[in-house]
Structures are given as structure tokens and as C-alpha cells.
C-alpha atoms as a PDB file:
ATOM      1  CA  UNK A   1     -61.296  -2.500 -39.734  1.00  0.00           C
ATOM      2  CA  UNK A   2     -63.723  -2.473 -42.622  1.00  0.00           C
ATOM      3  CA  UNK A   3     -63.776   0.424 -45.045  1.00  0.00           C
ATOM      4  CA  UNK A   4     -67.433   1.102 -44.120  1.00  0.00           C
ATOM      5  CA  UNK A   5     -66.371   1.945 -40.568  1.00  0.00           C
ATOM      6  CA  UNK A   6     -63.361   4.060 -41.536  1.00  0.00           C
ATOM      7  CA  UNK A   7     -64.286   7.738 -41.478  1.00  0.00           C
ATOM      8  CA  UNK A   8     -60.836   9.215 -42.134  1.00  0.00           C
ATOM      9  CA  UNK A   9     -58.698   8.839 -45.247  1.00  0.00           C
ATOM     10  CA  UNK A  10     -55.326   7.241 -44.684  1.00  0.00           C
ATOM     11  CA  UNK A  11     -52.407   8.363 -46.782  1.00  0.00           C
ATOM     12  CA  UNK A  12     -49.124   6.550 -47.110  1.00  0.00           C
ATOM     13  CA  UNK A  13     -46.283   8.816 -46.122  1.00  0.00           C
ATOM     14  CA  UNK A  14     -42.697   7.765 -45.490  1.00  0.00           C
ATOM     15  CA  UNK A  15     -40.946   9.948 -42.938  1.00  0.00           C
ATOM     16  CA  UNK A  16     -39.192   9.759 -39.590  1.00  0.00           C
ATOM     17  CA  UNK A  17     -41.117   9.530 -36.346  1.00  0.00           C
ATOM     18  CA  UNK A  18     -39.934   9.901 -32.783  1.00  0.00           C
ATOM     19  CA  UNK A  19     -42.111   8.355 -30.113  1.00  0.00           C
ATOM     20  CA  UNK A  20     -41.777   9.583 -26.536  1.00  0.00           C
ATOM     21  CA  UNK A  21     -43.265   7.773 -23.554  1.00  0.00           C
ATOM     22  CA  UNK A  22     -42.161   9.134 -20.230  1.00  0.00           C
ATOM     23  CA  UNK A  23     -38.377   9.057 -20.198  1.00  0.00           C
ATOM     24  CA  UNK A  24     -38.158   6.584 -23.102  1.00  0.00           C
ATOM     25  CA  UNK A  25     -37.699   7.654 -26.708  1.00  0.00           C
ATOM     26  CA  UNK A  26     -37.916   5.483 -29.828  1.00  0.00           C
ATOM     27  CA  UNK A  27     -37.091   6.243 -33.476  1.00  0.00           C
ATOM     28  CA  UNK A  28     -39.249   4.825 -36.229  1.00  0.00           C
ATOM     29  CA  UNK A  29     -40.906   5.344 -39.601  1.00  0.00           C
ATOM     30  CA  UNK A  30     -44.366   6.642 -40.393  1.00  0.00           C
ATOM     31  CA  UNK A  31     -46.238   4.217 -42.671  1.00  0.00           C
ATOM     32  CA  UNK A  32     -49.553   6.030 -43.009  1.00  0.00           C
ATOM     33  CA  UNK A  33     -51.453   8.855 -41.373  1.00  0.00           C
ATOM     34  CA  UNK A  34     -54.994  10.236 -41.122  1.00  0.00           C
ATOM     35  CA  UNK A  35     -56.558  13.142 -39.253  1.00  0.00           C
ATOM     36  CA  UNK A  36     -57.312  10.749 -36.403  1.00  0.00           C
ATOM     37  CA  UNK A  37     -54.243   8.539 -36.166  1.00  0.00           C
ATOM     38  CA  UNK A  38     -51.099   6.982 -37.576  1.00  0.00           C
ATOM     39  CA  UNK A  39     -49.464   3.646 -38.249  1.00  0.00           C
ATOM     40  CA  UNK A  40     -45.756   3.533 -37.507  1.00  0.00           C
ATOM     41  CA  UNK A  41     -43.008   0.964 -37.766  1.00  0.00           C
ATOM     42  CA  UNK A  42     -40.864   0.853 -34.676  1.00  0.00           C
ATOM     43  CA  UNK A  43     -38.167  -1.628 -33.698  1.00  0.00           C
ATOM     44  CA  UNK A  44     -37.466  -2.425 -30.062  1.00  0.00           C
ATOM     45  CA  UNK A  45     -40.627  -1.011 -28.538  1.00  0.00           C
ATOM     46  CA  UNK A  46     -41.511  -4.118 -26.536  1.00  0.00           C
ATOM     47  CA  UNK A  47     -42.092  -2.010 -23.406  1.00  0.00           C
ATOM     48  CA  UNK A  48     -45.123  -0.365 -25.034  1.00  0.00           C
ATOM     49  CA  UNK A  49     -48.613  -1.724 -24.449  1.00  0.00           C
ATOM     50  CA  UNK A  50     -52.034  -0.985 -25.880  1.00  0.00           C
ATOM     51  CA  UNK A  51     -53.559   1.931 -24.032  1.00  0.00           C
ATOM     52  CA  UNK A  52     -50.232   3.693 -23.448  1.00  0.00           C
ATOM     53  CA  UNK A  53     -50.270   7.446 -24.018  1.00  0.00           C
ATOM     54  CA  UNK A  54     -47.298   8.823 -25.959  1.00  0.00           C
ATOM     55  CA  UNK A  55     -46.122  11.833 -27.893  1.00  0.00           C
ATOM     56  CA  UNK A  56     -45.421  11.354 -31.596  1.00  0.00           C
ATOM     57  CA  UNK A  57     -43.071  13.772 -33.339  1.00  0.00           C
ATOM     58  CA  UNK A  58     -43.600  13.418 -37.095  1.00  0.00           C
ATOM     59  CA  UNK A  59     -40.905  15.073 -39.236  1.00  0.00           C
ATOM     60  CA  UNK A  60     -41.840  16.825 -42.491  1.00  0.00           C
ATOM     61  CA  UNK A  61     -39.720  18.672 -45.073  1.00  0.00           C
ATOM     62  CA  UNK A  62     -36.427  17.172 -43.919  1.00  0.00           C
ATOM     63  CA  UNK A  63     -37.252  18.025 -40.299  1.00  0.00           C
ATOM     64  CA  UNK A  64     -38.080  21.685 -41.041  1.00  0.00           C
ATOM     65  CA  UNK A  65     -41.591  20.996 -39.710  1.00  0.00           C
ATOM     66  CA  UNK A  66     -42.321  18.635 -36.847  1.00  0.00           C
ATOM     67  CA  UNK A  67     -45.890  17.676 -36.020  1.00  0.00           C
ATOM     68  CA  UNK A  68     -46.240  17.032 -32.298  1.00  0.00           C
ATOM     69  CA  UNK A  69     -49.231  14.867 -31.472  1.00  0.00           C
ATOM     70  CA  UNK A  70     -50.421  13.252 -28.262  1.00  0.00           C
ATOM     71  CA  UNK A  71     -51.582   9.749 -29.123  1.00  0.00           C
ATOM     72  CA  UNK A  72     -52.767   6.512 -27.564  1.00  0.00           C
ATOM     73  CA  UNK A  73     -51.437   3.130 -28.680  1.00  0.00           C
ATOM     74  CA  UNK A  74     -54.435   1.142 -29.955  1.00  0.00           C
ATOM     75  CA  UNK A  75     -52.746  -1.542 -32.070  1.00  0.00           C
ATOM     76  CA  UNK A  76     -49.447  -3.380 -31.638  1.00  0.00           C
ATOM     77  CA  UNK A  77     -48.356  -6.293 -33.800  1.00  0.00           C
ATOM     78  CA  UNK A  78     -44.679  -7.089 -34.248  1.00  0.00           C
ATOM     79  CA  UNK A  79     -43.001  -3.815 -35.242  1.00  0.00           C
ATOM     80  CA  UNK A  80     -46.240  -2.110 -36.413  1.00  0.00           C
ATOM     81  CA  UNK A  81     -47.966   0.210 -33.970  1.00  0.00           C
ATOM     82  CA  UNK A  82     -51.241   2.028 -34.516  1.00  0.00           C
ATOM     83  CA  UNK A  83     -51.979   5.257 -32.665  1.00  0.00           C
ATOM     84  CA  UNK A  84     -55.161   7.271 -32.202  1.00  0.00           C
ATOM     85  CA  UNK A  85     -54.563  11.006 -31.838  1.00  0.00           C
ATOM     86  CA  UNK A  86     -56.248  12.694 -28.899  1.00  0.00           C
ATOM     87  CA  UNK A  87     -54.533  16.086 -28.783  1.00  0.00           C
ATOM     88  CA  UNK A  88     -52.784  18.114 -31.461  1.00  0.00           C
ATOM     89  CA  UNK A  89     -51.660  21.735 -31.567  1.00  0.00           C
ATOM     90  CA  UNK A  90     -53.420  23.958 -34.094  1.00  0.00           C
ATOM     91  CA  UNK A  91     -50.267  24.539 -36.170  1.00  0.00           C
ATOM     92  CA  UNK A  92     -49.603  20.789 -36.345  1.00  0.00           C
ATOM     93  CA  UNK A  93     -53.241  20.185 -37.361  1.00  0.00           C
ATOM     94  CA  UNK A  94     -52.915  22.733 -40.184  1.00  0.00           C
ATOM     95  CA  UNK A  95     -49.811  20.939 -41.519  1.00  0.00           C
ATOM     96  CA  UNK A  96     -51.446  17.519 -41.112  1.00  0.00           C
ATOM     97  CA  UNK A  97     -54.560  18.669 -42.961  1.00  0.00           C
ATOM     98  CA  UNK A  98     -52.455  20.023 -45.837  1.00  0.00           C
ATOM     99  CA  UNK A  99     -50.389  16.830 -46.041  1.00  0.00           C
ATOM    100  CA  UNK A 100     -53.519  14.685 -46.291  1.00  0.00           C
ATOM    101  CA  UNK A 101     -55.267  17.080 -48.658  1.00  0.00           C
ATOM    102  CA  UNK A 102     -52.327  17.037 -51.077  1.00  0.00           C
ATOM    103  CA  UNK A 103     -52.154  13.249 -51.010  1.00  0.00           C
ATOM    104  CA  UNK A 104     -55.855  12.424 -51.428  1.00  0.00           C
ATOM    105  CA  UNK A 105     -56.473  15.143 -54.009  1.00  0.00           C
ATOM    106  CA  UNK A 106     -60.040  15.851 -52.826  1.00  0.00           C
ATOM    107  CA  UNK A 107     -60.439  19.024 -50.723  1.00  0.00           C
ATOM    108  CA  UNK A 108     -64.153  18.342 -50.198  1.00  0.00           C
ATOM    109  CA  UNK A 109     -63.395  14.958 -48.636  1.00  0.00           C
ATOM    110  CA  UNK A 110     -60.919  16.459 -46.175  1.00  0.00           C
ATOM    111  CA  UNK A 111     -63.449  19.156 -45.253  1.00  0.00           C
ATOM    112  CA  UNK A 112     -66.052  16.450 -44.562  1.00  0.00           C
ATOM    113  CA  UNK A 113     -63.533  14.608 -42.378  1.00  0.00           C
ATOM    114  CA  UNK A 114     -62.706  17.792 -40.449  1.00  0.00           C
ATOM    115  CA  UNK A 115     -66.417  18.408 -39.912  1.00  0.00           C
ATOM    116  CA  UNK A 116     -66.844  14.845 -38.640  1.00  0.00           C
ATOM    117  CA  UNK A 117     -63.793  15.181 -36.391  1.00  0.00           C
ATOM    118  CA  UNK A 118     -65.041  18.455 -34.899  1.00  0.00           C
ATOM    119  CA  UNK A 119     -68.470  16.981 -34.182  1.00  0.00           C
ATOM    120  CA  UNK A 120     -67.426  13.643 -32.739  1.00  0.00           C
END
């Protein structure tokens, strides 16, 4: 995707992720995250297909905080999976916003992204 089309800042963030789809659960690593989605590395997820809806549990602060996000698989190549968020609890959104804000260092940019997200 070209940078002109990207409306949300991605930040690299290395932490554990648990993906849940129905009765299946997979452990992986978060590679990067934005307000709208995430890229994760996951081994052994061959049963997943583009369009699948899942729950992503993203661990922060040594698992003291867990962001729970409902997401749709939109990209799958080898062990890299890209997800678009479609539902997130308010508390998780507050933590996600803070994580991105701290990593991009531009509070105005994150506010613009939140405005865009709320109006899209």
C-alpha cells in the first residue's frame, strides 16, 4: 500500500499476541500496530484465511495490560498476517492511542487520525 493511501501511522512494537478464532488459539508476535490494524507474525496458522474474523489479545507491560480487539484478516503471506480492527473496547482504545502517541511523538498527528477514524 502506498504511503499516500495510508491514513494511520504504524509503529513497530514487539510484544506477544494471542489470536483466537472460534475454538482455535495461536500465539505470535506483534510486528507493528496502528489505530486501524496490526501486522503479526504467527507460525502454524495455515487454517486461517483472508476474511476470517478473530480476536487479537495484545499484551503490554509484561501482560499487565491486554488489548482485546476484534479484527478481520486482510493479508496473509507466509507467517505474516495483517489484520484490520473493526471493534475495540474503549479502555483498549485508550491504551492503543497512548502506545502509538508515545512512539510517533506527535500528539497532533494522533488526534488527526482519531478524527479520521471517528468520521470514516
